[in-house]
Amino acid sequence: MALSLKEIMEQQAGFDAKHASPNMAWSMEALPDHFERVEHTIICLLGELGEFANEVKRVVQGDLSQEVAMPRLHDEMGDTCIYLIKICNHLGIDLEGVFVERLAHNKLRFASKITR
C-alpha cells in the first residue's frame, strides 16, 4: 500500500511522539527558543547524507561494487528522508505541498530547457 507524503509525515510524527530521548524531544515544535532541535536534526540529516555520499564515492573509486552498495544506499537514503521529514515536522512545513509548489515553479523557470 502506497502512502502519500502527508501520511508518511504523520506516521513519523506519531513515531517521534512515542520515542523521545533524554536530550531530544523529537515531537515538539521547533519554536524560536527551541531551534537547537532543528540544528541537531540538520546535523543528523547531513551525517546520513554524508554516509550515502561515502558509499557512492566507494563505488566510483572501485572499492565497492554497485551490487554491494545498493542495499547500503537504500538504508542511508531512508535515514536521510526520515531526518528531512523530522525537520519539516519540527517547522510545520508541508513537504508534499512545498514539493508541488517548487516543481511547478521549476517547470516554468526551466520551460525552455525541458525537452519532450
PDB file of N, CA and C in Angstrom:
ATOM      1  N   MET A   1       0.838  -1.173   0.000  1.00  0.00           N
ATOM      2  CA  MET A   1       0.000   0.000   0.000  1.00  0.00           C
ATOM      3  C   MET A   1       0.889   1.243   0.000  1.00  0.00           C
ATOM      4  N   ALA A   2       0.692   2.089  -0.988  1.00  0.00           N
ATOM      5  CA  ALA A   2       1.459   3.322  -1.080  1.00  0.00           C
ATOM      6  C   ALA A   2       0.842   4.384  -0.176  1.00  0.00           C
ATOM      7  N   LEU A   3       1.705   5.142   0.455  1.00  0.00           N
ATOM      8  CA  LEU A   3       1.274   6.235   1.325  1.00  0.00           C
ATOM      9  C   LEU A   3       1.597   7.565   0.665  1.00  0.00           C
ATOM     10  N   SER A   4       0.780   8.552   0.927  1.00  0.00           N
ATOM     11  CA  SER A   4       1.109   9.895   0.464  1.00  0.00           C
ATOM     12  C   SER A   4       2.223  10.434   1.358  1.00  0.00           C
ATOM     13  N   LEU A   5       2.879  11.470   0.893  1.00  0.00           N
ATOM     14  CA  LEU A   5       3.923  12.084   1.699  1.00  0.00           C
ATOM     15  C   LEU A   5       3.338  12.631   2.996  1.00  0.00           C
ATOM     16  N   LYS A   6       2.140  13.172   2.922  1.00  0.00           N
ATOM     17  CA  LYS A   6       1.477  13.670   4.134  1.00  0.00           C
ATOM     18  C   LYS A   6       1.277  12.534   5.136  1.00  0.00           C
ATOM     19  N   GLU A   7       0.846  11.370   4.667  1.00  0.00           N
ATOM     20  CA  GLU A   7       0.644  10.223   5.560  1.00  0.00           C
ATOM     21  C   GLU A   7       1.973   9.749   6.152  1.00  0.00           C
ATOM     22  N   ILE A   8       3.015   9.773   5.341  1.00  0.00           N
ATOM     23  CA  ILE A   8       4.345   9.386   5.834  1.00  0.00           C
ATOM     24  C   ILE A   8       4.787  10.346   6.930  1.00  0.00           C
ATOM     25  N   MET A   9       4.572  11.637   6.712  1.00  0.00           N
ATOM     26  CA  MET A   9       4.959  12.633   7.718  1.00  0.00           C
ATOM     27  C   MET A   9       4.157  12.440   9.002  1.00  0.00           C
ATOM     28  N   GLU A  10       2.883  12.113   8.876  1.00  0.00           N
ATOM     29  CA  GLU A  10       2.049  11.860  10.054  1.00  0.00           C
ATOM     30  C   GLU A  10       2.539  10.627  10.810  1.00  0.00           C
ATOM     31  N   GLN A  11       2.917   9.583  10.076  1.00  0.00           N
ATOM     32  CA  GLN A  11       3.435   8.376  10.732  1.00  0.00           C
ATOM     33  C   GLN A  11       4.735   8.682  11.474  1.00  0.00           C
ATOM     34  N   GLN A  12       5.608   9.487  10.864  1.00  0.00           N
ATOM     35  CA  GLN A  12       6.864   9.851  11.526  1.00  0.00           C
ATOM     36  C   GLN A  12       6.581  10.664  12.779  1.00  0.00           C
ATOM     37  N   ALA A  13       5.636  11.598  12.691  1.00  0.00           N
ATOM     38  CA  ALA A  13       5.272  12.403  13.861  1.00  0.00           C
ATOM     39  C   ALA A  13       4.738  11.521  14.977  1.00  0.00           C
ATOM     40  N   GLY A  14       3.926  10.526  14.635  1.00  0.00           N
ATOM     41  CA  GLY A  14       3.410   9.594  15.637  1.00  0.00           C
ATOM     42  C   GLY A  14       4.518   8.782  16.273  1.00  0.00           C
ATOM     43  N   PHE A  15       5.447   8.315  15.470  1.00  0.00           N
ATOM     44  CA  PHE A  15       6.599   7.570  15.984  1.00  0.00           C
ATOM     45  C   PHE A  15       7.416   8.454  16.925  1.00  0.00           C
ATOM     46  N   ASP A  16       7.689   9.687  16.469  1.00  0.00           N
ATOM     47  CA  ASP A  16       8.508  10.600  17.272  1.00  0.00           C
ATOM     48  C   ASP A  16       7.837  10.947  18.596  1.00  0.00           C
ATOM     49  N   ALA A  17       6.514  11.014  18.608  1.00  0.00           N
ATOM     50  CA  ALA A  17       5.797  11.339  19.845  1.00  0.00           C
ATOM     51  C   ALA A  17       6.011  10.272  20.909  1.00  0.00           C
ATOM     52  N   LYS A  18       6.309   9.057  20.488  1.00  0.00           N
ATOM     53  CA  LYS A  18       6.491   7.943  21.423  1.00  0.00           C
ATOM     54  C   LYS A  18       7.953   7.626  21.701  1.00  0.00           C
ATOM     55  N   HIS A  19       8.875   8.283  21.007  1.00  0.00           N
ATOM     56  CA  HIS A  19      10.293   7.934  21.128  1.00  0.00           C
ATOM     57  C   HIS A  19      11.140   9.173  21.390  1.00  0.00           C
ATOM     58  N   ALA A  20      11.141   9.619  22.598  1.00  0.00           N
ATOM     59  CA  ALA A  20      11.984  10.752  22.990  1.00  0.00           C
ATOM     60  C   ALA A  20      13.192  10.226  23.744  1.00  0.00           C
ATOM     61  N   SER A  21      14.294  10.908  23.569  1.00  0.00           N
ATOM     62  CA  SER A  21      15.488  10.575  24.346  1.00  0.00           C
ATOM     63  C   SER A  21      15.626  11.631  25.444  1.00  0.00           C
ATOM     64  N   PRO A  22      16.497  11.396  26.405  1.00  0.00           N
ATOM     65  CA  PRO A  22      16.657  12.379  27.486  1.00  0.00           C
ATOM     66  C   PRO A  22      17.036  13.775  26.985  1.00  0.00           C
ATOM     67  N   ASN A  23      17.759  13.842  25.877  1.00  0.00           N
ATOM     68  CA  ASN A  23      18.230  15.128  25.370  1.00  0.00           C
ATOM     69  C   ASN A  23      17.424  15.665  24.192  1.00  0.00           C
ATOM     70  N   MET A  24      16.459  14.904  23.688  1.00  0.00           N
ATOM     71  CA  MET A  24      15.769  15.335  22.480  1.00  0.00           C
ATOM     72  C   MET A  24      14.312  14.912  22.511  1.00  0.00           C
ATOM     73  N   ALA A  25      13.433  15.892  22.518  1.00  0.00           N
ATOM     74  CA  ALA A  25      12.000  15.635  22.384  1.00  0.00           C
ATOM     75  C   ALA A  25      11.674  15.789  20.905  1.00  0.00           C
ATOM     76  N   TRP A  26      11.718  14.686  20.177  1.00  0.00           N
ATOM     77  CA  TRP A  26      11.586  14.724  18.725  1.00  0.00           C
ATOM     78  C   TRP A  26      10.271  15.322  18.257  1.00  0.00           C
ATOM     79  N   SER A  27       9.217  15.148  19.025  1.00  0.00           N
ATOM     80  CA  SER A  27       7.906  15.529  18.528  1.00  0.00           C
ATOM     81  C   SER A  27       7.539  16.985  18.768  1.00  0.00           C
ATOM     82  N   MET A  28       8.288  17.688  19.569  1.00  0.00           N
ATOM     83  CA  MET A  28       7.921  19.055  19.905  1.00  0.00           C
ATOM     84  C   MET A  28       8.197  20.006  18.749  1.00  0.00           C
ATOM     85  N   GLU A  29       7.339  21.003  18.599  1.00  0.00           N
ATOM     86  CA  GLU A  29       7.555  22.004  17.570  1.00  0.00           C
ATOM     87  C   GLU A  29       8.839  22.775  17.864  1.00  0.00           C
ATOM     88  N   ALA A  30       9.486  23.216  16.818  1.00  0.00           N
ATOM     89  CA  ALA A  30      10.715  23.982  16.965  1.00  0.00           C
ATOM     90  C   ALA A  30      10.369  25.458  17.042  1.00  0.00           C
ATOM     91  N   LEU A  31       9.956  25.871  18.194  1.00  0.00           N
ATOM     92  CA  LEU A  31       9.652  27.269  18.407  1.00  0.00           C
ATOM     93  C   LEU A  31      10.947  28.063  18.382  1.00  0.00           C
ATOM     94  N   PRO A  32      10.869  29.389  18.217  1.00  0.00           N
ATOM     95  CA  PRO A  32      12.123  30.166  18.113  1.00  0.00           C
ATOM     96  C   PRO A  32      13.123  29.897  19.224  1.00  0.00           C
ATOM     97  N   ASP A  33      12.658  29.593  20.425  1.00  0.00           N
ATOM     98  CA  ASP A  33      13.611  29.330  21.504  1.00  0.00           C
ATOM     99  C   ASP A  33      14.025  27.857  21.566  1.00  0.00           C
ATOM    100  N   HIS A  34      13.599  27.076  20.604  1.00  0.00           N
ATOM    101  CA  HIS A  34      13.956  25.653  20.578  1.00  0.00           C
ATOM    102  C   HIS A  34      14.611  25.258  19.258  1.00  0.00           C
ATOM    103  N   PHE A  35      15.248  26.191  18.602  1.00  0.00           N
ATOM    104  CA  PHE A  35      15.854  25.888  17.309  1.00  0.00           C
ATOM    105  C   PHE A  35      17.048  24.951  17.427  1.00  0.00           C
ATOM    106  N   GLU A  36      17.517  24.697  18.649  1.00  0.00           N
ATOM    107  CA  GLU A  36      18.586  23.706  18.795  1.00  0.00           C
ATOM    108  C   GLU A  36      18.099  22.333  18.351  1.00  0.00           C
ATOM    109  N   ARG A  37      16.804  22.066  18.455  1.00  0.00           N
ATOM    110  CA  ARG A  37      16.260  20.800  17.945  1.00  0.00           C
ATOM    111  C   ARG A  37      16.412  20.728  16.437  1.00  0.00           C
ATOM    112  N   VAL A  38      16.106  21.828  15.776  1.00  0.00           N
ATOM    113  CA  VAL A  38      16.244  21.864  14.318  1.00  0.00           C
ATOM    114  C   VAL A  38      17.713  21.726  13.945  1.00  0.00           C
ATOM    115  N   GLU A  39      18.575  22.446  14.642  1.00  0.00           N
ATOM    116  CA  GLU A  39      20.005  22.362  14.365  1.00  0.00           C
ATOM    117  C   GLU A  39      20.503  20.922  14.534  1.00  0.00           C
ATOM    118  N   HIS A  40      20.125  20.280  15.615  1.00  0.00           N
ATOM    119  CA  HIS A  40      20.534  18.901  15.866  1.00  0.00           C
ATOM    120  C   HIS A  40      20.045  17.984  14.746  1.00  0.00           C
ATOM    121  N   THR A  41      18.810  18.166  14.316  1.00  0.00           N
ATOM    122  CA  THR A  41      18.240  17.311  13.287  1.00  0.00           C
ATOM    123  C   THR A  41      18.905  17.560  11.938  1.00  0.00           C
ATOM    124  N   ILE A  42      19.276  18.805  11.656  1.00  0.00           N
ATOM    125  CA  ILE A  42      20.015  19.107  10.426  1.00  0.00           C
ATOM    126  C   ILE A  42      21.366  18.398  10.442  1.00  0.00           C
ATOM    127  N   ILE A  43      22.039  18.409  11.576  1.00  0.00           N
ATOM    128  CA  ILE A  43      23.325  17.714  11.685  1.00  0.00           C
ATOM    129  C   ILE A  43      23.140  16.220  11.445  1.00  0.00           C
ATOM    130  N   CYS A  44      22.071  15.651  11.988  1.00  0.00           N
ATOM    131  CA  CYS A  44      21.768  14.234  11.749  1.00  0.00           C
ATOM    132  C   CYS A  44      21.511  13.973  10.265  1.00  0.00           C
ATOM    133  N   LEU A  45      20.734  14.850   9.629  1.00  0.00           N
ATOM    134  CA  LEU A  45      20.442  14.730   8.199  1.00  0.00           C
ATOM    135  C   LEU A  45      21.729  14.750   7.384  1.00  0.00           C
ATOM    136  N   LEU A  46      22.585  15.703   7.678  1.00  0.00           N
ATOM    137  CA  LEU A  46      23.832  15.820   6.932  1.00  0.00           C
ATOM    138  C   LEU A  46      24.747  14.626   7.183  1.00  0.00           C
ATOM    139  N   GLY A  47      24.725  14.090   8.384  1.00  0.00           N
ATOM    140  CA  GLY A  47      25.509  12.892   8.673  1.00  0.00           C
ATOM    141  C   GLY A  47      25.049  11.705   7.827  1.00  0.00           C
ATOM    142  N   GLU A  48      23.751  11.526   7.736  1.00  0.00           N
ATOM    143  CA  GLU A  48      23.220  10.421   6.928  1.00  0.00           C
ATOM    144  C   GLU A  48      23.506  10.641   5.446  1.00  0.00           C
ATOM    145  N   LEU A  49      23.368  11.881   4.984  1.00  0.00           N
ATOM    146  CA  LEU A  49      23.666  12.180   3.589  1.00  0.00           C
ATOM    147  C   LEU A  49      25.152  11.963   3.304  1.00  0.00           C
ATOM    148  N   GLY A  50      25.993  12.288   4.279  1.00  0.00           N
ATOM    149  CA  GLY A  50      27.423  12.031   4.145  1.00  0.00           C
ATOM    150  C   GLY A  50      27.731  10.543   4.029  1.00  0.00           C
ATOM    151  N   GLU A  51      27.021   9.728   4.801  1.00  0.00           N
ATOM    152  CA  GLU A  51      27.202   8.281   4.700  1.00  0.00           C
ATOM    153  C   GLU A  51      26.769   7.777   3.329  1.00  0.00           C
ATOM    154  N   PHE A  52      25.680   8.335   2.813  1.00  0.00           N
ATOM    155  CA  PHE A  52      25.209   7.985   1.464  1.00  0.00           C
ATOM    156  C   PHE A  52      26.290   8.349   0.440  1.00  0.00           C
ATOM    157  N   ALA A  53      26.806   9.580   0.539  1.00  0.00           N
ATOM    158  CA  ALA A  53      27.827  10.046  -0.401  1.00  0.00           C
ATOM    159  C   ALA A  53      29.090   9.199  -0.314  1.00  0.00           C
ATOM    160  N   ASN A  54      29.445   8.777   0.875  1.00  0.00           N
ATOM    161  CA  ASN A  54      30.640   7.949   1.037  1.00  0.00           C
ATOM    162  C   ASN A  54      30.477   6.610   0.319  1.00  0.00           C
ATOM    163  N   GLU A  55      29.297   6.035   0.376  1.00  0.00           N
ATOM    164  CA  GLU A  55      29.055   4.769  -0.342  1.00  0.00           C
ATOM    165  C   GLU A  55      29.183   4.978  -1.855  1.00  0.00           C
ATOM    166  N   VAL A  56      28.635   6.091  -2.355  1.00  0.00           N
ATOM    167  CA  VAL A  56      28.759   6.394  -3.789  1.00  0.00           C
ATOM    168  C   VAL A  56      30.228   6.565  -4.152  1.00  0.00           C
ATOM    169  N   LYS A  57      30.969   7.285  -3.318  1.00  0.00           N
ATOM    170  CA  LYS A  57      32.397   7.503  -3.555  1.00  0.00           C
ATOM    171  C   LYS A  57      33.140   6.167  -3.630  1.00  0.00           C
ATOM    172  N   ARG A  58      32.792   5.261  -2.741  1.00  0.00           N
ATOM    173  CA  ARG A  58      33.476   3.960  -2.725  1.00  0.00           C
ATOM    174  C   ARG A  58      33.211   3.179  -4.012  1.00  0.00           C
ATOM    175  N   VAL A  59      31.998   3.307  -4.565  1.00  0.00           N
ATOM    176  CA  VAL A  59      31.700   2.651  -5.843  1.00  0.00           C
ATOM    177  C   VAL A  59      32.502   3.309  -6.959  1.00  0.00           C
ATOM    178  N   VAL A  60      32.495   4.631  -7.007  1.00  0.00           N
ATOM    179  CA  VAL A  60      33.209   5.361  -8.063  1.00  0.00           C
ATOM    180  C   VAL A  60      34.701   5.050  -8.014  1.00  0.00           C
ATOM    181  N   GLN A  61      35.269   4.920  -6.823  1.00  0.00           N
ATOM    182  CA  GLN A  61      36.693   4.631  -6.687  1.00  0.00           C
ATOM    183  C   GLN A  61      37.024   3.160  -6.938  1.00  0.00           C
ATOM    184  N   GLY A  62      36.003   2.334  -7.066  1.00  0.00           N
ATOM    185  CA  GLY A  62      36.240   0.918  -7.317  1.00  0.00           C
ATOM    186  C   GLY A  62      36.452   0.096  -6.062  1.00  0.00           C
ATOM    187  N   ASP A  63      36.208   0.669  -4.895  1.00  0.00           N
ATOM    188  CA  ASP A  63      36.390  -0.047  -3.634  1.00  0.00           C
ATOM    189  C   ASP A  63      35.197  -0.916  -3.274  1.00  0.00           C
ATOM    190  N   LEU A  64      34.078  -0.714  -3.964  1.00  0.00           N
ATOM    191  CA  LEU A  64      32.832  -1.398  -3.629  1.00  0.00           C
ATOM    192  C   LEU A  64      32.026  -1.566  -4.910  1.00  0.00           C
ATOM    193  N   SER A  65      31.414  -2.715  -5.073  1.00  0.00           N
ATOM    194  CA  SER A  65      30.586  -2.923  -6.265  1.00  0.00           C
ATOM    195  C   SER A  65      29.225  -2.258  -6.077  1.00  0.00           C
ATOM    196  N   GLN A  66      28.599  -1.914  -7.179  1.00  0.00           N
ATOM    197  CA  GLN A  66      27.248  -1.349  -7.111  1.00  0.00           C
ATOM    198  C   GLN A  66      26.291  -2.325  -6.437  1.00  0.00           C
ATOM    199  N   GLU A  67      26.471  -3.594  -6.711  1.00  0.00           N
ATOM    200  CA  GLU A  67      25.591  -4.613  -6.128  1.00  0.00           C
ATOM    201  C   GLU A  67      25.673  -4.601  -4.597  1.00  0.00           C
ATOM    202  N   VAL A  68      26.866  -4.493  -4.065  1.00  0.00           N
ATOM    203  CA  VAL A  68      27.044  -4.449  -2.614  1.00  0.00           C
ATOM    204  C   VAL A  68      26.572  -3.108  -2.058  1.00  0.00           C
ATOM    205  N   ALA A  69      26.780  -2.040  -2.807  1.00  0.00           N
ATOM    206  CA  ALA A  69      26.440  -0.704  -2.330  1.00  0.00           C
ATOM    207  C   ALA A  69      24.938  -0.441  -2.284  1.00  0.00           C
ATOM    208  N   MET A  70      24.172  -1.021  -3.186  1.00  0.00           N
ATOM    209  CA  MET A  70      22.755  -0.664  -3.297  1.00  0.00           C
ATOM    210  C   MET A  70      21.962  -0.848  -1.999  1.00  0.00           C
ATOM    211  N   PRO A  71      22.100  -1.958  -1.271  1.00  0.00           N
ATOM    212  CA  PRO A  71      21.357  -2.049  -0.005  1.00  0.00           C
ATOM    213  C   PRO A  71      21.789  -0.988   1.005  1.00  0.00           C
ATOM    214  N   ARG A  72      23.073  -0.667   1.013  1.00  0.00           N
ATOM    215  CA  ARG A  72      23.575   0.370   1.912  1.00  0.00           C
ATOM    216  C   ARG A  72      23.023   1.736   1.509  1.00  0.00           C
ATOM    217  N   LEU A  73      23.026   2.024   0.196  1.00  0.00           N
ATOM    218  CA  LEU A  73      22.479   3.286  -0.300  1.00  0.00           C
ATOM    219  C   LEU A  73      20.989   3.395   0.029  1.00  0.00           C
ATOM    220  N   HIS A  74      20.309   2.293  -0.114  1.00  0.00           N
ATOM    221  CA  HIS A  74      18.882   2.230   0.218  1.00  0.00           C
ATOM    222  C   HIS A  74      18.662   2.651   1.667  1.00  0.00           C
ATOM    223  N   ASP A  75      19.414   2.051   2.577  1.00  0.00           N
ATOM    224  CA  ASP A  75      19.275   2.357   4.004  1.00  0.00           C
ATOM    225  C   ASP A  75      19.643   3.800   4.324  1.00  0.00           C
ATOM    226  N   GLU A  76      20.755   4.279   3.767  1.00  0.00           N
ATOM    227  CA  GLU A  76      21.202   5.640   4.067  1.00  0.00           C
ATOM    228  C   GLU A  76      20.222   6.677   3.513  1.00  0.00           C
ATOM    229  N   MET A  77      19.651   6.422   2.333  1.00  0.00           N
ATOM    230  CA  MET A  77      18.672   7.360   1.795  1.00  0.00           C
ATOM    231  C   MET A  77      17.404   7.334   2.635  1.00  0.00           C
ATOM    232  N   GLY A  78      17.038   6.164   3.135  1.00  0.00           N
ATOM    233  CA  GLY A  78      15.885   6.092   4.033  1.00  0.00           C
ATOM    234  C   GLY A  78      16.103   6.911   5.290  1.00  0.00           C
ATOM    235  N   ASP A  79      17.287   6.792   5.893  1.00  0.00           N
ATOM    236  CA  ASP A  79      17.608   7.581   7.083  1.00  0.00           C
ATOM    237  C   ASP A  79      17.619   9.077   6.761  1.00  0.00           C
ATOM    238  N   THR A  80      18.162   9.440   5.595  1.00  0.00           N
ATOM    239  CA  THR A  80      18.172  10.837   5.166  1.00  0.00           C
ATOM    240  C   THR A  80      16.751  11.378   5.060  1.00  0.00           C
ATOM    241  N   CYS A  81      15.868  10.603   4.453  1.00  0.00           N
ATOM    242  CA  CYS A  81      14.468  11.027   4.305  1.00  0.00           C
ATOM    243  C   CYS A  81      13.795  11.199   5.664  1.00  0.00           C
ATOM    244  N   ILE A  82      14.083  10.302   6.579  1.00  0.00           N
ATOM    245  CA  ILE A  82      13.493  10.410   7.918  1.00  0.00           C
ATOM    246  C   ILE A  82      13.873  11.737   8.563  1.00  0.00           C
ATOM    247  N   TYR A  83      15.150  12.107   8.490  1.00  0.00           N
ATOM    248  CA  TYR A  83      15.565  13.357   9.114  1.00  0.00           C
ATOM    249  C   TYR A  83      15.004  14.573   8.386  1.00  0.00           C
ATOM    250  N   LEU A  84      14.873  14.511   7.068  1.00  0.00           N
ATOM    251  CA  LEU A  84      14.237  15.610   6.336  1.00  0.00           C
ATOM    252  C   LEU A  84      12.787  15.775   6.790  1.00  0.00           C
ATOM    253  N   ILE A  85      12.091  14.674   6.944  1.00  0.00           N
ATOM    254  CA  ILE A  85      10.703  14.717   7.412  1.00  0.00           C
ATOM    255  C   ILE A  85      10.638  15.262   8.835  1.00  0.00           C
ATOM    256  N   LYS A  86      11.570  14.856   9.686  1.00  0.00           N
ATOM    257  CA  LYS A  86      11.598  15.372  11.057  1.00  0.00           C
ATOM    258  C   LYS A  86      11.758  16.898  11.054  1.00  0.00           C
ATOM    259  N   ILE A  87      12.651  17.414  10.221  1.00  0.00           N
ATOM    260  CA  ILE A  87      12.851  18.865  10.147  1.00  0.00           C
ATOM    261  C   ILE A  87      11.566  19.554   9.713  1.00  0.00           C
ATOM    262  N   CYS A  88      10.932  19.025   8.700  1.00  0.00           N
ATOM    263  CA  CYS A  88       9.673  19.617   8.233  1.00  0.00           C
ATOM    264  C   CYS A  88       8.607  19.553   9.319  1.00  0.00           C
ATOM    265  N   ASN A  89       8.527  18.443  10.024  1.00  0.00           N
ATOM    266  CA  ASN A  89       7.564  18.342  11.121  1.00  0.00           C
ATOM    267  C   ASN A  89       7.884  19.339  12.230  1.00  0.00           C
ATOM    268  N   HIS A  90       9.167  19.520  12.557  1.00  0.00           N
ATOM    269  CA  HIS A  90       9.563  20.494  13.585  1.00  0.00           C
ATOM    270  C   HIS A  90       9.080  21.893  13.217  1.00  0.00           C
ATOM    271  N   LEU A  91       9.217  22.228  11.934  1.00  0.00           N
ATOM    272  CA  LEU A  91       8.946  23.592  11.489  1.00  0.00           C
ATOM    273  C   LEU A  91       7.539  23.790  10.930  1.00  0.00           C
ATOM    274  N   GLY A  92       6.758  22.718  10.870  1.00  0.00           N
ATOM    275  CA  GLY A  92       5.413  22.830  10.323  1.00  0.00           C
ATOM    276  C   GLY A  92       5.404  23.063   8.820  1.00  0.00           C
ATOM    277  N   ILE A  93       6.404  22.541   8.133  1.00  0.00           N
ATOM    278  CA  ILE A  93       6.491  22.682   6.681  1.00  0.00           C
ATOM    279  C   ILE A  93       5.770  21.501   6.033  1.00  0.00           C
ATOM    280  N   ASP A  94       4.834  21.806   5.158  1.00  0.00           N
ATOM    281  CA  ASP A  94       4.101  20.784   4.405  1.00  0.00           C
ATOM    282  C   ASP A  94       4.996  20.352   3.243  1.00  0.00           C
ATOM    283  N   LEU A  95       5.761  19.291   3.436  1.00  0.00           N
ATOM    284  CA  LEU A  95       6.740  18.854   2.447  1.00  0.00           C
ATOM    285  C   LEU A  95       6.076  18.509   1.124  1.00  0.00           C
ATOM    286  N   GLU A  96       4.938  17.850   1.179  1.00  0.00           N
ATOM    287  CA  GLU A  96       4.222  17.495  -0.043  1.00  0.00           C
ATOM    288  C   GLU A  96       3.799  18.761  -0.792  1.00  0.00           C
ATOM    289  N   GLY A  97       3.232  19.714  -0.059  1.00  0.00           N
ATOM    290  CA  GLY A  97       2.782  20.959  -0.677  1.00  0.00           C
ATOM    291  C   GLY A  97       3.922  21.773  -1.248  1.00  0.00           C
ATOM    292  N   VAL A  98       5.011  21.887  -0.502  1.00  0.00           N
ATOM    293  CA  VAL A  98       6.146  22.684  -0.971  1.00  0.00           C
ATOM    294  C   VAL A  98       6.804  22.005  -2.168  1.00  0.00           C
ATOM    295  N   PHE A  99       6.811  20.669  -2.204  1.00  0.00           N
ATOM    296  CA  PHE A  99       7.353  19.974  -3.373  1.00  0.00           C
ATOM    297  C   PHE A  99       6.542  20.314  -4.613  1.00  0.00           C
ATOM    298  N   VAL A 100       5.222  20.232  -4.505  1.00  0.00           N
ATOM    299  CA  VAL A 100       4.349  20.527  -5.650  1.00  0.00           C
ATOM    300  C   VAL A 100       4.551  21.973  -6.108  1.00  0.00           C
ATOM    301  N   GLU A 101       4.633  22.896  -5.146  1.00  0.00           N
ATOM    302  CA  GLU A 101       4.855  24.313  -5.477  1.00  0.00           C
ATOM    303  C   GLU A 101       6.184  24.514  -6.195  1.00  0.00           C
ATOM    304  N   ARG A 102       7.242  23.928  -5.651  1.00  0.00           N
ATOM    305  CA  ARG A 102       8.573  24.133  -6.232  1.00  0.00           C
ATOM    306  C   ARG A 102       8.706  23.450  -7.588  1.00  0.00           C
ATOM    307  N   LEU A 103       8.066  22.299  -7.760  1.00  0.00           N
ATOM    308  CA  LEU A 103       8.094  21.631  -9.057  1.00  0.00           C
ATOM    309  C   LEU A 103       7.409  22.505 -10.104  1.00  0.00           C
ATOM    310  N   ALA A 104       6.255  23.079  -9.767  1.00  0.00           N
ATOM    311  CA  ALA A 104       5.556  23.973 -10.698  1.00  0.00           C
ATOM    312  C   ALA A 104       6.435  25.186 -11.012  1.00  0.00           C
ATOM    313  N   HIS A 105       7.075  25.744  -9.996  1.00  0.00           N
ATOM    314  CA  HIS A 105       7.972  26.883 -10.195  1.00  0.00           C
ATOM    315  C   HIS A 105       9.105  26.507 -11.148  1.00  0.00           C
ATOM    316  N   ASN A 106       9.721  25.343 -10.927  1.00  0.00           N
ATOM    317  CA  ASN A 106      10.844  24.918 -11.762  1.00  0.00           C
ATOM    318  C   ASN A 106      10.410  24.584 -13.182  1.00  0.00           C
ATOM    319  N   LYS A 107       9.203  24.071 -13.345  1.00  0.00           N
ATOM    320  CA  LYS A 107       8.701  23.816 -14.702  1.00  0.00           C
ATOM    321  C   LYS A 107       8.613  25.111 -15.490  1.00  0.00           C
ATOM    322  N   LEU A 108       8.149  26.183 -14.845  1.00  0.00           N
ATOM    323  CA  LEU A 108       8.087  27.482 -15.508  1.00  0.00           C
ATOM    324  C   LEU A 108       9.488  28.045 -15.730  1.00  0.00           C
ATOM    325  N   ARG A 109      10.297  27.941 -14.708  1.00  0.00           N
ATOM    326  CA  ARG A 109      11.650  28.506 -14.774  1.00  0.00           C
ATOM    327  C   ARG A 109      12.495  27.858 -15.864  1.00  0.00           C
ATOM    328  N   PHE A 110      12.355  26.555 -16.030  1.00  0.00           N
ATOM    329  CA  PHE A 110      13.196  25.834 -16.976  1.00  0.00           C
ATOM    330  C   PHE A 110      12.418  25.351 -18.198  1.00  0.00           C
ATOM    331  N   ALA A 111      11.271  25.971 -18.472  1.00  0.00           N
ATOM    332  CA  ALA A 111      10.408  25.527 -19.581  1.00  0.00           C
ATOM    333  C   ALA A 111      11.137  25.478 -20.898  1.00  0.00           C
ATOM    334  N   SER A 112      11.985  26.424 -21.160  1.00  0.00           N
ATOM    335  CA  SER A 112      12.691  26.452 -22.458  1.00  0.00           C
ATOM    336  C   SER A 112      13.797  25.407 -22.537  1.00  0.00           C
ATOM    337  N   LYS A 113      14.189  24.856 -21.390  1.00  0.00           N
ATOM    338  CA  LYS A 113      15.274  23.881 -21.368  1.00  0.00           C
ATOM    339  C   LYS A 113      14.774  22.437 -21.264  1.00  0.00           C
ATOM    340  N   ILE A 114      13.464  22.260 -21.036  1.00  0.00           N
ATOM    341  CA  ILE A 114      12.915  20.919 -20.908  1.00  0.00           C
ATOM    342  C   ILE A 114      12.591  20.381 -22.295  1.00  0.00           C
ATOM    343  N   THR A 115      13.069  19.179 -22.557  1.00  0.00           N
ATOM    344  CA  THR A 115      12.770  18.532 -23.833  1.00  0.00           C
ATOM    345  C   THR A 115      11.657  17.542 -23.633  1.00  0.00           C
ATOM    346  N   ARG A 116      10.933  17.319 -24.660  1.00  0.00           N
ATOM    347  CA  ARG A 116       9.793  16.391 -24.558  1.00  0.00           C
ATOM    348  C   ARG A 116      10.192  15.025 -24.899  1.00  0.00           C
TER     349      ARG A 116
END
